[in-house]
């Protein structure tokens, strides 16, 4: 039986959004790798991704999954304290992440510079108070267009508000990314600025403002 046949047999009306648990991490990594094939975090490998998502759970960041009849079909991860989260990752798990990234760096030594910029990021990740950052959102390609992405973003915004945020930001590619950009615009996000990375990748930074809690 093919994956697409199995997907058609799943009762998608049974979908829920719930907190990500440690036992969800392998499925989350699988969804990430299939949704973001060719992206930098995927290049760093499944072990690196597993460390990242486990850390988000352990540090009580905003980490949620879409669960369709017991199957993880999508996830969202981010933080209401971007600089604090990154500092904690480096302080408590730097060696683990470095070891996990080594095979990728050996395959492509030029990636070292990009990893080094990521290590320095906590110093530049400070944002205005009340800003939460959506770091990663993906839906299993077999379950896209079925509403999981919208539910995940809506719950991420709700959780951000509970933690004192009144704004969510995120970055995504400007070019070759029409469906994703249309999705965020439909969700109420607006383009705040355009960013060009040292590698020449052009990104949109989106912002969604909502009512402050209380």
Protein backbone atom coordinates (compact mmCIF):
# COMPACT_ATOMS: atom_id res chain seq x y z
CA UNK A 1 0.00 0.00 0.00
CA UNK A 2 1.43 3.40 -0.97
CA UNK A 3 1.81 6.36 1.42
CA UNK A 4 -0.82 8.28 -0.51
CA UNK A 5 -3.28 5.37 -0.17
CA UNK A 6 -2.64 5.17 3.56
CA UNK A 7 -3.11 8.93 3.88
CA UNK A 8 -6.47 8.75 2.11
CA UNK A 9 -7.51 6.10 4.62
CA UNK A 10 -6.86 8.34 7.65
CA UNK A 11 -9.83 10.15 9.19
CA UNK A 12 -8.57 13.74 8.88
CA UNK A 13 -11.60 14.99 10.82
CA UNK A 14 -9.91 13.50 13.91
CA UNK A 15 -7.06 16.05 13.83
CA UNK A 16 -6.06 17.88 17.00
CA UNK A 17 -3.25 20.25 17.89
CA UNK A 18 -1.47 19.29 21.09
CA UNK A 19 1.89 19.85 22.82
CA UNK A 20 4.84 18.06 21.26
CA UNK A 21 6.08 15.15 23.37
CA UNK A 22 9.47 13.42 23.44
CA UNK A 23 8.02 10.36 21.73
CA UNK A 24 6.85 12.58 18.84
CA UNK A 25 10.37 13.71 17.94
CA UNK A 26 11.21 10.95 15.40
CA UNK A 27 7.97 11.67 13.51
CA UNK A 28 8.58 15.43 13.71
CA UNK A 29 12.08 14.98 12.28
CA UNK A 30 10.67 12.83 9.48
CA UNK A 31 8.08 15.48 8.58
CA UNK A 32 10.77 18.19 8.71
CA UNK A 33 13.12 16.31 6.39
CA UNK A 34 10.38 15.60 3.84
CA UNK A 35 8.90 19.12 3.98
CA UNK A 36 12.27 20.94 3.91
CA UNK A 37 14.40 18.81 1.62
CA UNK A 38 17.46 20.80 0.59
CA UNK A 39 17.26 23.36 3.41
CA UNK A 40 20.16 24.07 5.75
CA UNK A 41 18.74 22.49 8.91
CA UNK A 42 17.86 19.37 6.94
CA UNK A 43 21.43 19.34 5.59
CA UNK A 44 22.68 19.24 9.20
CA UNK A 45 20.88 15.93 9.57
CA UNK A 46 18.27 14.01 11.53
CA UNK A 47 20.40 13.83 14.69
CA UNK A 48 20.81 17.60 14.77
CA UNK A 49 17.08 18.13 14.23
CA UNK A 50 16.18 15.63 16.95
CA UNK A 51 18.40 17.51 19.42
CA UNK A 52 16.74 20.80 18.46
CA UNK A 53 13.17 19.59 18.91
CA UNK A 54 13.94 17.70 22.12
CA UNK A 55 15.57 20.83 23.50
CA UNK A 56 12.48 22.88 22.65
CA UNK A 57 10.35 20.42 24.62
CA UNK A 58 12.73 20.26 27.59
CA UNK A 59 13.09 24.06 27.77
CA UNK A 60 9.30 24.49 27.63
CA UNK A 61 9.31 26.46 24.39
CA UNK A 62 6.24 26.56 22.12
CA UNK A 63 6.31 23.17 20.41
CA UNK A 64 3.08 21.71 19.03
CA UNK A 65 2.04 18.90 16.70
CA UNK A 66 -0.97 18.22 14.52
CA UNK A 67 -2.18 14.75 15.44
CA UNK A 68 -4.50 12.99 12.98
CA UNK A 69 -5.87 9.78 14.48
CA UNK A 70 -2.62 9.20 16.38
CA UNK A 71 -0.29 10.16 13.52
CA UNK A 72 1.89 13.29 13.64
CA UNK A 73 1.11 15.09 10.39
CA UNK A 74 2.62 18.50 11.13
CA UNK A 75 4.31 20.62 13.75
CA UNK A 76 5.21 24.14 14.75
CA UNK A 77 8.06 25.25 16.99
CA UNK A 78 9.16 28.64 18.23
CA UNK A 79 9.78 30.74 21.28
CA UNK A 80 8.49 33.77 23.13
CA UNK A 81 12.11 34.57 24.10
CA UNK A 82 14.31 34.10 20.98
CA UNK A 83 17.63 35.26 22.43
CA UNK A 84 17.07 33.41 25.72
CA UNK A 85 16.26 30.14 23.93
CA UNK A 86 19.35 30.32 21.73
CA UNK A 87 21.58 31.20 24.70
CA UNK A 88 20.26 28.22 26.64
CA UNK A 89 20.89 25.91 23.70
CA UNK A 90 24.50 27.02 23.45
CA UNK A 91 25.12 27.01 27.19
CA UNK A 92 23.72 23.55 27.91
CA UNK A 93 23.94 21.65 24.61
CA UNK A 94 26.74 23.21 22.54
CA UNK A 95 28.90 20.06 22.45
CA UNK A 96 25.95 17.82 21.48
CA UNK A 97 24.96 20.11 18.61
CA UNK A 98 28.58 20.43 17.46
CA UNK A 99 29.01 16.66 17.34
CA UNK A 100 25.69 16.24 15.52
CA UNK A 101 26.70 18.85 12.91
CA UNK A 102 30.18 17.39 12.28
CA UNK A 103 29.24 14.89 9.52
CA UNK A 104 27.54 17.64 7.51
CA UNK A 105 30.49 20.00 7.95
CA UNK A 106 32.90 17.28 6.84
CA UNK A 107 30.82 16.78 3.69
CA UNK A 108 30.67 20.51 3.01
CA UNK A 109 33.42 22.46 4.85
CA UNK A 110 32.10 25.80 3.58
CA UNK A 111 29.06 25.25 5.81
CA UNK A 112 31.31 26.00 8.80
CA UNK A 113 30.84 29.73 8.28
CA UNK A 114 27.07 29.39 8.31
CA UNK A 115 27.19 27.32 11.50
CA UNK A 116 29.47 29.93 13.09
CA UNK A 117 26.95 32.67 12.30
CA UNK A 118 24.24 30.58 13.95
CA UNK A 119 26.43 30.25 17.06
CA UNK A 120 26.81 34.04 17.22
CA UNK A 121 23.09 34.61 16.65
CA UNK A 122 22.04 34.97 20.32
CA UNK A 123 23.91 38.26 20.47
CA UNK A 124 21.83 39.61 17.59
CA UNK A 125 18.54 37.83 18.26
CA UNK A 126 17.27 40.35 20.81
CA UNK A 127 13.90 41.70 19.78
CA UNK A 128 11.47 44.16 21.23
CA UNK A 129 9.56 42.93 24.25
CA UNK A 130 6.42 41.05 23.38
CA UNK A 131 7.78 39.45 20.19
CA UNK A 132 7.58 35.69 19.75
CA UNK A 133 9.40 34.00 16.87
CA UNK A 134 7.93 31.13 14.87
CA UNK A 135 11.04 29.17 13.96
CA UNK A 136 9.71 26.12 12.14
CA UNK A 137 6.36 25.07 10.66
CA UNK A 138 5.81 22.02 8.48
CA UNK A 139 2.99 19.73 7.40
CA UNK A 140 3.46 16.25 6.00
CA UNK A 141 3.26 16.68 2.19
CA UNK A 142 0.58 13.96 2.13
CA UNK A 143 -1.66 16.02 4.43
CA UNK A 144 -1.19 19.53 3.09
CA UNK A 145 -4.24 21.66 2.17
CA UNK A 146 -6.25 19.94 4.92
CA UNK A 147 -6.09 22.76 7.48
CA UNK A 148 -3.27 21.55 9.76
CA UNK A 149 -1.01 24.51 9.00
CA UNK A 150 -3.70 27.03 9.89
CA UNK A 151 -4.56 25.22 13.13
CA UNK A 152 -0.89 25.05 14.12
CA UNK A 153 -0.29 28.76 13.51
CA UNK A 154 -3.48 29.75 15.33
CA UNK A 155 -2.46 27.71 18.38
CA UNK A 156 1.10 29.07 18.20
CA UNK A 157 -0.30 32.61 18.33
CA UNK A 158 -2.57 31.66 21.25
CA UNK A 159 0.35 30.14 23.18
CA UNK A 160 2.50 33.20 22.42
CA UNK A 161 -0.19 35.43 23.88
CA UNK A 162 -0.37 33.31 27.04
CA UNK A 163 3.38 33.85 27.44
CA UNK A 164 3.01 37.63 27.19
CA UNK A 165 3.65 38.23 23.48
CA UNK A 166 1.53 40.45 21.30
CA UNK A 167 3.50 39.99 18.08
CA UNK A 168 4.78 36.96 16.15
CA UNK A 169 7.51 37.18 13.52
CA UNK A 170 9.05 34.65 11.14
CA UNK A 171 11.20 34.49 8.02
CA UNK A 172 10.65 32.57 4.81
CA UNK A 173 11.95 32.64 1.26
CA UNK A 174 10.77 35.43 -1.03
CA UNK A 175 11.32 33.58 -4.31
CA UNK A 176 10.04 30.18 -5.39
CA UNK A 177 7.78 30.14 -2.36
CA UNK A 178 4.46 31.52 -3.58
CA UNK A 179 2.24 29.05 -1.73
CA UNK A 180 3.89 29.64 1.63
CA UNK A 181 3.87 33.41 1.22
CA UNK A 182 0.19 33.34 0.25
CA UNK A 183 -0.54 31.19 3.31
CA UNK A 184 1.04 33.65 5.75
CA UNK A 185 -0.66 36.63 4.12
CA UNK A 186 -4.00 34.81 4.37
CA UNK A 187 -3.25 34.24 8.07
CA UNK A 188 -2.94 37.99 8.59
CA UNK A 189 0.85 38.37 8.53
CA UNK A 190 2.41 41.33 6.71
CA UNK A 191 5.89 41.73 5.24
CA UNK A 192 7.92 43.87 7.65
CA UNK A 193 11.22 43.82 5.78
CA UNK A 194 13.33 41.98 3.22
CA UNK A 195 16.58 40.26 4.24
CA UNK A 196 19.42 39.02 2.03
CA UNK A 197 21.69 36.44 3.64
CA UNK A 198 25.46 36.28 2.97
CA UNK A 199 24.70 33.31 0.68
CA UNK A 200 22.41 35.54 -1.41
CA UNK A 201 19.15 33.98 -0.21
CA UNK A 202 16.36 36.58 -0.14
CA UNK A 203 13.91 36.29 2.75
CA UNK A 204 10.73 38.03 3.80
CA UNK A 205 10.36 38.77 7.49
CA UNK A 206 6.66 38.58 8.35
CA UNK A 207 4.99 40.08 11.40
CA UNK A 208 1.57 39.44 12.92
CA UNK A 209 0.38 41.85 15.59
CA UNK A 210 -2.43 40.89 17.94
CA UNK A 211 -3.94 42.13 21.17
CA UNK A 212 -1.70 42.13 24.21
CA UNK A 213 -2.87 39.72 26.92
CA UNK A 214 -5.00 41.22 29.69
